[in-house]
Amino acid sequence: ALAAAPGSPERDRYMFRDGLGEDG
């Protein structure tokens, strides 16, 4: 998951989300 891109199937196994604020 860490090696993959946001929105990838690898990250979807965990609870990855974009941050809030101007730059996340």
mmCIF file of all heavy atoms, coordinates in Angstrom:
data_MODEL
# 
_entry.id   MODEL 
# 
loop_
_atom_site.group_PDB 
_atom_site.id 
_atom_site.type_symbol 
_atom_site.label_atom_id 
_atom_site.label_alt_id 
_atom_site.label_comp_id 
_atom_site.label_asym_id 
_atom_site.label_entity_id 
_atom_site.label_seq_id 
_atom_site.pdbx_PDB_ins_code 
_atom_site.Cartn_x 
_atom_site.Cartn_y 
_atom_site.Cartn_z 
_atom_site.occupancy 
_atom_site.B_iso_or_equiv 
_atom_site.pdbx_formal_charge 
_atom_site.auth_seq_id 
_atom_site.auth_comp_id 
_atom_site.auth_asym_id 
_atom_site.auth_atom_id 
_atom_site.pdbx_PDB_model_num 
ATOM 1   N N   . ALA A 1 1  ? 0.826   -1.209 0.000  1.00 0.00 ? 1  ALA A N   1 
ATOM 2   C CA  . ALA A 1 1  ? 0.000   0.000  0.000  1.00 0.00 ? 1  ALA A CA  1 
ATOM 3   C C   . ALA A 1 1  ? 0.860   1.259  0.000  1.00 0.00 ? 1  ALA A C   1 
ATOM 4   O O   . ALA A 1 1  ? 0.556   2.234  -0.706 1.00 0.00 ? 1  ALA A O   1 
ATOM 5   C CB  . ALA A 1 1  ? -0.935  -0.007 1.203  1.00 0.00 ? 1  ALA A CB  1 
ATOM 6   N N   . LEU A 1 2  ? 1.930   1.263  0.782  1.00 0.00 ? 2  LEU A N   1 
ATOM 7   C CA  . LEU A 1 2  ? 2.804   2.435  0.843  1.00 0.00 ? 2  LEU A CA  1 
ATOM 8   C C   . LEU A 1 2  ? 3.515   2.666  -0.487 1.00 0.00 ? 2  LEU A C   1 
ATOM 9   O O   . LEU A 1 2  ? 3.784   3.827  -0.864 1.00 0.00 ? 2  LEU A O   1 
ATOM 10  C CB  . LEU A 1 2  ? 3.836   2.262  1.952  1.00 0.00 ? 2  LEU A CB  1 
ATOM 11  C CG  . LEU A 1 2  ? 3.313   2.273  3.392  1.00 0.00 ? 2  LEU A CG  1 
ATOM 12  C CD1 . LEU A 1 2  ? 4.461   2.073  4.364  1.00 0.00 ? 2  LEU A CD1 1 
ATOM 13  C CD2 . LEU A 1 2  ? 2.573   3.571  3.697  1.00 0.00 ? 2  LEU A CD2 1 
ATOM 14  N N   . ALA A 1 3  ? 3.794   1.580  -1.204 1.00 0.00 ? 3  ALA A N   1 
ATOM 15  C CA  . ALA A 1 3  ? 4.486   1.705  -2.484 1.00 0.00 ? 3  ALA A CA  1 
ATOM 16  C C   . ALA A 1 3  ? 3.544   2.061  -3.621 1.00 0.00 ? 3  ALA A C   1 
ATOM 17  O O   . ALA A 1 3  ? 3.997   2.486  -4.702 1.00 0.00 ? 3  ALA A O   1 
ATOM 18  C CB  . ALA A 1 3  ? 5.215   0.398  -2.807 1.00 0.00 ? 3  ALA A CB  1 
ATOM 19  N N   . ALA A 1 4  ? 2.239   1.915  -3.405 1.00 0.00 ? 4  ALA A N   1 
ATOM 20  C CA  . ALA A 1 4  ? 1.243   2.145  -4.456 1.00 0.00 ? 4  ALA A CA  1 
ATOM 21  C C   . ALA A 1 4  ? 0.719   3.581  -4.393 1.00 0.00 ? 4  ALA A C   1 
ATOM 22  O O   . ALA A 1 4  ? 0.981   4.337  -3.455 1.00 0.00 ? 4  ALA A O   1 
ATOM 23  C CB  . ALA A 1 4  ? 0.110   1.147  -4.335 1.00 0.00 ? 4  ALA A CB  1 
ATOM 24  N N   . ALA A 1 5  ? -0.060  3.939  -5.401 1.00 0.00 ? 5  ALA A N   1 
ATOM 25  C CA  . ALA A 1 5  ? -0.596  5.301  -5.501 1.00 0.00 ? 5  ALA A CA  1 
ATOM 26  C C   . ALA A 1 5  ? -1.924  5.422  -4.772 1.00 0.00 ? 5  ALA A C   1 
ATOM 27  O O   . ALA A 1 5  ? -2.620  4.422  -4.552 1.00 0.00 ? 5  ALA A O   1 
ATOM 28  C CB  . ALA A 1 5  ? -0.780  5.653  -6.973 1.00 0.00 ? 5  ALA A CB  1 
ATOM 29  N N   . PRO A 1 6  ? -2.292  6.643  -4.382 1.00 0.00 ? 6  PRO A N   1 
ATOM 30  C CA  . PRO A 1 6  ? -3.630  6.857  -3.824 1.00 0.00 ? 6  PRO A CA  1 
ATOM 31  C C   . PRO A 1 6  ? -4.700  6.337  -4.776 1.00 0.00 ? 6  PRO A C   1 
ATOM 32  O O   . PRO A 1 6  ? -4.588  6.468  -5.997 1.00 0.00 ? 6  PRO A O   1 
ATOM 33  C CB  . PRO A 1 6  ? -3.703  8.390  -3.679 1.00 0.00 ? 6  PRO A CB  1 
ATOM 34  C CG  . PRO A 1 6  ? -2.278  8.814  -3.512 1.00 0.00 ? 6  PRO A CG  1 
ATOM 35  C CD  . PRO A 1 6  ? -1.479  7.878  -4.387 1.00 0.00 ? 6  PRO A CD  1 
ATOM 36  N N   . GLY A 1 7  ? -5.720  5.695  -4.204 1.00 0.00 ? 7  GLY A N   1 
ATOM 37  C CA  . GLY A 1 7  ? -6.803  5.143  -5.009 1.00 0.00 ? 7  GLY A CA  1 
ATOM 38  C C   . GLY A 1 7  ? -6.516  3.778  -5.594 1.00 0.00 ? 7  GLY A C   1 
ATOM 39  O O   . GLY A 1 7  ? -7.360  3.205  -6.286 1.00 0.00 ? 7  GLY A O   1 
ATOM 40  N N   . SER A 1 8  ? -5.362  3.208  -5.299 1.00 0.00 ? 8  SER A N   1 
ATOM 41  C CA  . SER A 1 8  ? -4.974  1.915  -5.858 1.00 0.00 ? 8  SER A CA  1 
ATOM 42  C C   . SER A 1 8  ? -5.665  0.784  -5.115 1.00 0.00 ? 8  SER A C   1 
ATOM 43  O O   . SER A 1 8  ? -6.096  0.931  -3.970 1.00 0.00 ? 8  SER A O   1 
ATOM 44  C CB  . SER A 1 8  ? -3.458  1.745  -5.767 1.00 0.00 ? 8  SER A CB  1 
ATOM 45  O OG  . SER A 1 8  ? -3.055  1.731  -4.399 1.00 0.00 ? 8  SER A OG  1 
ATOM 46  N N   . PRO A 1 9  ? -5.751  -0.405 -5.751 1.00 0.00 ? 9  PRO A N   1 
ATOM 47  C CA  . PRO A 1 9  ? -6.311  -1.571 -5.048 1.00 0.00 ? 9  PRO A CA  1 
ATOM 48  C C   . PRO A 1 9  ? -5.520  -1.917 -3.787 1.00 0.00 ? 9  PRO A C   1 
ATOM 49  O O   . PRO A 1 9  ? -6.092  -2.405 -2.812 1.00 0.00 ? 9  PRO A O   1 
ATOM 50  C CB  . PRO A 1 9  ? -6.213  -2.682 -6.090 1.00 0.00 ? 9  PRO A CB  1 
ATOM 51  C CG  . PRO A 1 9  ? -6.202  -1.979 -7.405 1.00 0.00 ? 9  PRO A CG  1 
ATOM 52  C CD  . PRO A 1 9  ? -5.471  -0.688 -7.168 1.00 0.00 ? 9  PRO A CD  1 
ATOM 53  N N   . GLU A 1 10 ? -4.199  -1.686 -3.801 1.00 0.00 ? 10 GLU A N   1 
ATOM 54  C CA  . GLU A 1 10 ? -3.386  -1.990 -2.634 1.00 0.00 ? 10 GLU A CA  1 
ATOM 55  C C   . GLU A 1 10 ? -3.784  -1.121 -1.441 1.00 0.00 ? 10 GLU A C   1 
ATOM 56  O O   . GLU A 1 10 ? -3.838  -1.598 -0.300 1.00 0.00 ? 10 GLU A O   1 
ATOM 57  C CB  . GLU A 1 10 ? -1.911  -1.797 -2.958 1.00 0.00 ? 10 GLU A CB  1 
ATOM 58  C CG  . GLU A 1 10 ? -1.344  -2.813 -3.934 1.00 0.00 ? 10 GLU A CG  1 
ATOM 59  C CD  . GLU A 1 10 ? -1.621  -2.456 -5.398 1.00 0.00 ? 10 GLU A CD  1 
ATOM 60  O OE1 . GLU A 1 10 ? -2.261  -1.402 -5.659 1.00 0.00 ? 10 GLU A OE1 1 
ATOM 61  O OE2 . GLU A 1 10 ? -1.202  -3.228 -6.274 1.00 0.00 ? 10 GLU A OE2 1 
ATOM 62  N N   . ARG A 1 11 ? -4.050  0.139  -1.696 1.00 0.00 ? 11 ARG A N   1 
ATOM 63  C CA  . ARG A 1 11 ? -4.438  1.023  -0.587 1.00 0.00 ? 11 ARG A CA  1 
ATOM 64  C C   . ARG A 1 11 ? -5.871  0.771  -0.118 1.00 0.00 ? 11 ARG A C   1 
ATOM 65  O O   . ARG A 1 11 ? -6.210  1.038  1.030  1.00 0.00 ? 11 ARG A O   1 
ATOM 66  C CB  . ARG A 1 11 ? -4.263  2.489  -0.984 1.00 0.00 ? 11 ARG A CB  1 
ATOM 67  C CG  . ARG A 1 11 ? -2.809  2.879  -1.075 1.00 0.00 ? 11 ARG A CG  1 
ATOM 68  C CD  . ARG A 1 11 ? -2.536  4.326  -0.849 1.00 0.00 ? 11 ARG A CD  1 
ATOM 69  N NE  . ARG A 1 11 ? -1.102  4.577  -0.809 1.00 0.00 ? 11 ARG A NE  1 
ATOM 70  C CZ  . ARG A 1 11 ? -0.539  5.766  -0.688 1.00 0.00 ? 11 ARG A CZ  1 
ATOM 71  N NH1 . ARG A 1 11 ? -1.312  6.856  -0.595 1.00 0.00 ? 11 ARG A NH1 1 
ATOM 72  N NH2 . ARG A 1 11 ? 0.773   5.899  -0.659 1.00 0.00 ? 11 ARG A NH2 1 
ATOM 73  N N   . ASP A 1 12 ? -6.692  0.217  -1.000 1.00 0.00 ? 12 ASP A N   1 
ATOM 74  C CA  . ASP A 1 12 ? -8.087  -0.010 -0.630 1.00 0.00 ? 12 ASP A CA  1 
ATOM 75  C C   . ASP A 1 12 ? -8.239  -1.122 0.395  1.00 0.00 ? 12 ASP A C   1 
ATOM 76  O O   . ASP A 1 12 ? -9.294  -1.276 0.993  1.00 0.00 ? 12 ASP A O   1 
ATOM 77  C CB  . ASP A 1 12 ? -8.914  -0.349 -1.882 1.00 0.00 ? 12 ASP A CB  1 
ATOM 78  C CG  . ASP A 1 12 ? -10.407 -0.370 -1.589 1.00 0.00 ? 12 ASP A CG  1 
ATOM 79  O OD1 . ASP A 1 12 ? -10.937 0.662  -1.113 1.00 0.00 ? 12 ASP A OD1 1 
ATOM 80  O OD2 . ASP A 1 12 ? -11.038 -1.423 -1.795 1.00 0.00 ? 12 ASP A OD2 1 
ATOM 81  N N   . ARG A 1 13 ? -7.186  -1.909 0.639  1.00 0.00 ? 13 ARG A N   1 
ATOM 82  C CA  . ARG A 1 13 ? -7.264  -2.915 1.692  1.00 0.00 ? 13 ARG A CA  1 
ATOM 83  C C   . ARG A 1 13 ? -7.238  -2.272 3.085  1.00 0.00 ? 13 ARG A C   1 
ATOM 84  O O   . ARG A 1 13 ? -7.572  -2.917 4.074  1.00 0.00 ? 13 ARG A O   1 
ATOM 85  C CB  . ARG A 1 13 ? -6.085  -3.882 1.577  1.00 0.00 ? 13 ARG A CB  1 
ATOM 86  C CG  . ARG A 1 13 ? -6.037  -4.701 0.296  1.00 0.00 ? 13 ARG A CG  1 
ATOM 87  C CD  . ARG A 1 13 ? -4.664  -5.345 0.191  1.00 0.00 ? 13 ARG A CD  1 
ATOM 88  N NE  . ARG A 1 13 ? -4.491  -6.192 -0.978 1.00 0.00 ? 13 ARG A NE  1 
ATOM 89  C CZ  . ARG A 1 13 ? -3.305  -6.456 -1.521 1.00 0.00 ? 13 ARG A CZ  1 
ATOM 90  N NH1 . ARG A 1 13 ? -2.206  -5.929 -0.998 1.00 0.00 ? 13 ARG A NH1 1 
ATOM 91  N NH2 . ARG A 1 13 ? -3.215  -7.236 -2.567 1.00 0.00 ? 13 ARG A NH2 1 
ATOM 92  N N   . TYR A 1 14 ? -6.783  -1.032 3.157  1.00 0.00 ? 14 TYR A N   1 
ATOM 93  C CA  . TYR A 1 14 ? -6.696  -0.292 4.415  1.00 0.00 ? 14 TYR A CA  1 
ATOM 94  C C   . TYR A 1 14 ? -7.569  0.954  4.331  1.00 0.00 ? 14 TYR A C   1 
ATOM 95  O O   . TYR A 1 14 ? -8.280  1.166  3.355  1.00 0.00 ? 14 TYR A O   1 
ATOM 96  C CB  . TYR A 1 14 ? -5.235  0.066  4.712  1.00 0.00 ? 14 TYR A CB  1 
ATOM 97  C CG  . TYR A 1 14 ? -4.372  -1.136 4.998  1.00 0.00 ? 14 TYR A CG  1 
ATOM 98  C CD1 . TYR A 1 14 ? -3.675  -1.780 3.968  1.00 0.00 ? 14 TYR A CD1 1 
ATOM 99  C CD2 . TYR A 1 14 ? -4.252  -1.653 6.282  1.00 0.00 ? 14 TYR A CD2 1 
ATOM 100 C CE1 . TYR A 1 14 ? -2.898  -2.901 4.226  1.00 0.00 ? 14 TYR A CE1 1 
ATOM 101 C CE2 . TYR A 1 14 ? -3.470  -2.766 6.549  1.00 0.00 ? 14 TYR A CE2 1 
ATOM 102 C CZ  . TYR A 1 14 ? -2.799  -3.395 5.515  1.00 0.00 ? 14 TYR A CZ  1 
ATOM 103 O OH  . TYR A 1 14 ? -2.037  -4.495 5.775  1.00 0.00 ? 14 TYR A OH  1 
ATOM 104 N N   . MET A 1 15 ? -7.504  1.786  5.358  1.00 0.00 ? 15 MET A N   1 
ATOM 105 C CA  . MET A 1 15 ? -8.351  2.977  5.438  1.00 0.00 ? 15 MET A CA  1 
ATOM 106 C C   . MET A 1 15 ? -7.509  4.220  5.141  1.00 0.00 ? 15 MET A C   1 
ATOM 107 O O   . MET A 1 15 ? -7.199  5.026  6.026  1.00 0.00 ? 15 MET A O   1 
ATOM 108 C CB  . MET A 1 15 ? -8.989  3.067  6.822  1.00 0.00 ? 15 MET A CB  1 
ATOM 109 C CG  . MET A 1 15 ? -9.784  1.847  7.248  1.00 0.00 ? 15 MET A CG  1 
ATOM 110 S SD  . MET A 1 15 ? -11.310 1.617  6.316  1.00 0.00 ? 15 MET A SD  1 
ATOM 111 C CE  . MET A 1 15 ? -12.306 2.954  6.954  1.00 0.00 ? 15 MET A CE  1 
ATOM 112 N N   . PHE A 1 16 ? -7.112  4.375  3.890  1.00 0.00 ? 16 PHE A N   1 
ATOM 113 C CA  . PHE A 1 16 ? -6.379  5.563  3.449  1.00 0.00 ? 16 PHE A CA  1 
ATOM 114 C C   . PHE A 1 16 ? -7.369  6.650  3.041  1.00 0.00 ? 16 PHE A C   1 
ATOM 115 O O   . PHE A 1 16 ? -8.373  6.376  2.379  1.00 0.00 ? 16 PHE A O   1 
ATOM 116 C CB  . PHE A 1 16 ? -5.474  5.235  2.267  1.00 0.00 ? 16 PHE A CB  1 
ATOM 117 C CG  . PHE A 1 16 ? -4.170  4.599  2.655  1.00 0.00 ? 16 PHE A CG  1 
ATOM 118 C CD1 . PHE A 1 16 ? -4.066  3.223  2.813  1.00 0.00 ? 16 PHE A CD1 1 
ATOM 119 C CD2 . PHE A 1 16 ? -3.046  5.386  2.851  1.00 0.00 ? 16 PHE A CD2 1 
ATOM 120 C CE1 . PHE A 1 16 ? -2.859  2.639  3.173  1.00 0.00 ? 16 PHE A CE1 1 
ATOM 121 C CE2 . PHE A 1 16 ? -1.833  4.810  3.206  1.00 0.00 ? 16 PHE A CE2 1 
ATOM 122 C CZ  . PHE A 1 16 ? -1.742  3.435  3.366  1.00 0.00 ? 16 PHE A CZ  1 
ATOM 123 N N   . ARG A 1 17 ? -7.073  7.888  3.421  1.00 0.00 ? 17 ARG A N   1 
ATOM 124 C CA  . ARG A 1 17 ? -7.913  9.020  3.058  1.00 0.00 ? 17 ARG A CA  1 
ATOM 125 C C   . ARG A 1 17 ? -7.046  10.251 2.833  1.00 0.00 ? 17 ARG A C   1 
ATOM 126 O O   . ARG A 1 17 ? -5.965  10.395 3.418  1.00 0.00 ? 17 ARG A O   1 
ATOM 127 C CB  . ARG A 1 17 ? -8.936  9.342  4.164  1.00 0.00 ? 17 ARG A CB  1 
ATOM 128 C CG  . ARG A 1 17 ? -9.976  8.255  4.415  1.00 0.00 ? 17 ARG A CG  1 
ATOM 129 C CD  . ARG A 1 17 ? -10.929 8.074  3.255  1.00 0.00 ? 17 ARG A CD  1 
ATOM 130 N NE  . ARG A 1 17 ? -11.996 7.121  3.542  1.00 0.00 ? 17 ARG A NE  1 
ATOM 131 C CZ  . ARG A 1 17 ? -11.912 5.810  3.382  1.00 0.00 ? 17 ARG A CZ  1 
ATOM 132 N NH1 . ARG A 1 17 ? -10.773 5.267  2.932  1.00 0.00 ? 17 ARG A NH1 1 
ATOM 133 N NH2 . ARG A 1 17 ? -12.941 5.024  3.656  1.00 0.00 ? 17 ARG A NH2 1 
ATOM 134 N N   . ASP A 1 18 ? -7.557  11.165 1.998  1.00 0.00 ? 18 ASP A N   1 
ATOM 135 C CA  . ASP A 1 18 ? -6.901  12.460 1.831  1.00 0.00 ? 18 ASP A CA  1 
ATOM 136 C C   . ASP A 1 18 ? -7.111  13.299 3.075  1.00 0.00 ? 18 ASP A C   1 
ATOM 137 O O   . ASP A 1 18 ? -8.153  13.210 3.733  1.00 0.00 ? 18 ASP A O   1 
ATOM 138 C CB  . ASP A 1 18 ? -7.466  13.191 0.615  1.00 0.00 ? 18 ASP A CB  1 
ATOM 139 C CG  . ASP A 1 18 ? -7.145  12.493 -0.701 1.00 0.00 ? 18 ASP A CG  1 
ATOM 140 O OD1 . ASP A 1 18 ? -6.083  11.828 -0.769 1.00 0.00 ? 18 ASP A OD1 1 
ATOM 141 O OD2 . ASP A 1 18 ? -7.948  12.602 -1.645 1.00 0.00 ? 18 ASP A OD2 1 
ATOM 142 N N   . GLY A 1 19 ? -6.140  14.136 3.380  1.00 0.00 ? 19 GLY A N   1 
ATOM 143 C CA  . GLY A 1 19 ? -6.258  15.001 4.538  1.00 0.00 ? 19 GLY A CA  1 
ATOM 144 C C   . GLY A 1 19 ? -7.091  16.235 4.254  1.00 0.00 ? 19 GLY A C   1 
ATOM 145 O O   . GLY A 1 19 ? -7.416  16.546 3.103  1.00 0.00 ? 19 GLY A O   1 
ATOM 146 N N   . LEU A 1 20 ? -7.429  16.948 5.304  1.00 0.00 ? 20 LEU A N   1 
ATOM 147 C CA  . LEU A 1 20 ? -8.158  18.210 5.199  1.00 0.00 ? 20 LEU A CA  1 
ATOM 148 C C   . LEU A 1 20 ? -7.165  19.367 5.183  1.00 0.00 ? 20 LEU A C   1 
ATOM 149 O O   . LEU A 1 20 ? -5.967  19.188 5.403  1.00 0.00 ? 20 LEU A O   1 
ATOM 150 C CB  . LEU A 1 20 ? -9.120  18.348 6.380  1.00 0.00 ? 20 LEU A CB  1 
ATOM 151 C CG  . LEU A 1 20 ? -10.132 17.207 6.570  1.00 0.00 ? 20 LEU A CG  1 
ATOM 152 C CD1 . LEU A 1 20 ? -10.991 17.461 7.816  1.00 0.00 ? 20 LEU A CD1 1 
ATOM 153 C CD2 . LEU A 1 20 ? -10.994 17.012 5.342  1.00 0.00 ? 20 LEU A CD2 1 
ATOM 154 N N   . GLY A 1 21 ? -7.681  20.569 4.956  1.00 0.00 ? 21 GLY A N   1 
ATOM 155 C CA  . GLY A 1 21 ? -6.807  21.729 4.896  1.00 0.00 ? 21 GLY A CA  1 
ATOM 156 C C   . GLY A 1 21 ? -6.346  22.003 3.472  1.00 0.00 ? 21 GLY A C   1 
ATOM 157 O O   . GLY A 1 21 ? -6.531  21.192 2.555  1.00 0.00 ? 21 GLY A O   1 
ATOM 158 N N   . GLU A 1 22 ? -5.684  23.119 3.292  1.00 0.00 ? 22 GLU A N   1 
ATOM 159 C CA  . GLU A 1 22 ? -5.284  23.556 1.952  1.00 0.00 ? 22 GLU A CA  1 
ATOM 160 C C   . GLU A 1 22 ? -4.366  22.548 1.271  1.00 0.00 ? 22 GLU A C   1 
ATOM 161 O O   . GLU A 1 22 ? -4.466  22.296 0.068  1.00 0.00 ? 22 GLU A O   1 
ATOM 162 C CB  . GLU A 1 22 ? -4.587  24.913 2.059  1.00 0.00 ? 22 GLU A CB  1 
ATOM 163 C CG  . GLU A 1 22 ? -4.237  25.519 0.711  1.00 0.00 ? 22 GLU A CG  1 
ATOM 164 C CD  . GLU A 1 22 ? -3.670  26.922 0.853  1.00 0.00 ? 22 GLU A CD  1 
ATOM 165 O OE1 . GLU A 1 22 ? -3.779  27.502 1.940  1.00 0.00 ? 22 GLU A OE1 1 
ATOM 166 O OE2 . GLU A 1 22 ? -3.093  27.418 -0.142 1.00 0.00 ? 22 GLU A OE2 1 
ATOM 167 N N   . ASP A 1 23 ? -3.460  21.970 2.031  1.00 0.00 ? 23 ASP A N   1 
ATOM 168 C CA  . ASP A 1 23 ? -2.499  21.029 1.457  1.00 0.00 ? 23 ASP A CA  1 
ATOM 169 C C   . ASP A 1 23 ? -2.655  19.617 2.021  1.00 0.00 ? 23 ASP A C   1 
ATOM 170 O O   . ASP A 1 23 ? -1.720  18.825 1.986  1.00 0.00 ? 23 ASP A O   1 
ATOM 171 C CB  . ASP A 1 23 ? -1.078  21.526 1.721  1.00 0.00 ? 23 ASP A CB  1 
ATOM 172 C CG  . ASP A 1 23 ? -0.805  22.866 1.061  1.00 0.00 ? 23 ASP A CG  1 
ATOM 173 O OD1 . ASP A 1 23 ? -1.114  22.995 -0.137 1.00 0.00 ? 23 ASP A OD1 1 
ATOM 174 O OD2 . ASP A 1 23 ? -0.295  23.765 1.755  1.00 0.00 ? 23 ASP A OD2 1 
ATOM 175 N N   . GLY A 1 24 ? -3.849  19.327 2.572  1.00 0.00 ? 24 GLY A N   1 
ATOM 176 C CA  . GLY A 1 24 ? -4.066  18.002 3.148  1.00 0.00 ? 24 GLY A CA  1 
ATOM 177 C C   . GLY A 1 24 ? -3.270  17.763 4.403  1.00 0.00 ? 24 GLY A C   1 
ATOM 178 O O   . GLY A 1 24 ? -3.000  16.616 4.775  1.00 0.00 ? 24 GLY A O   1 
# 
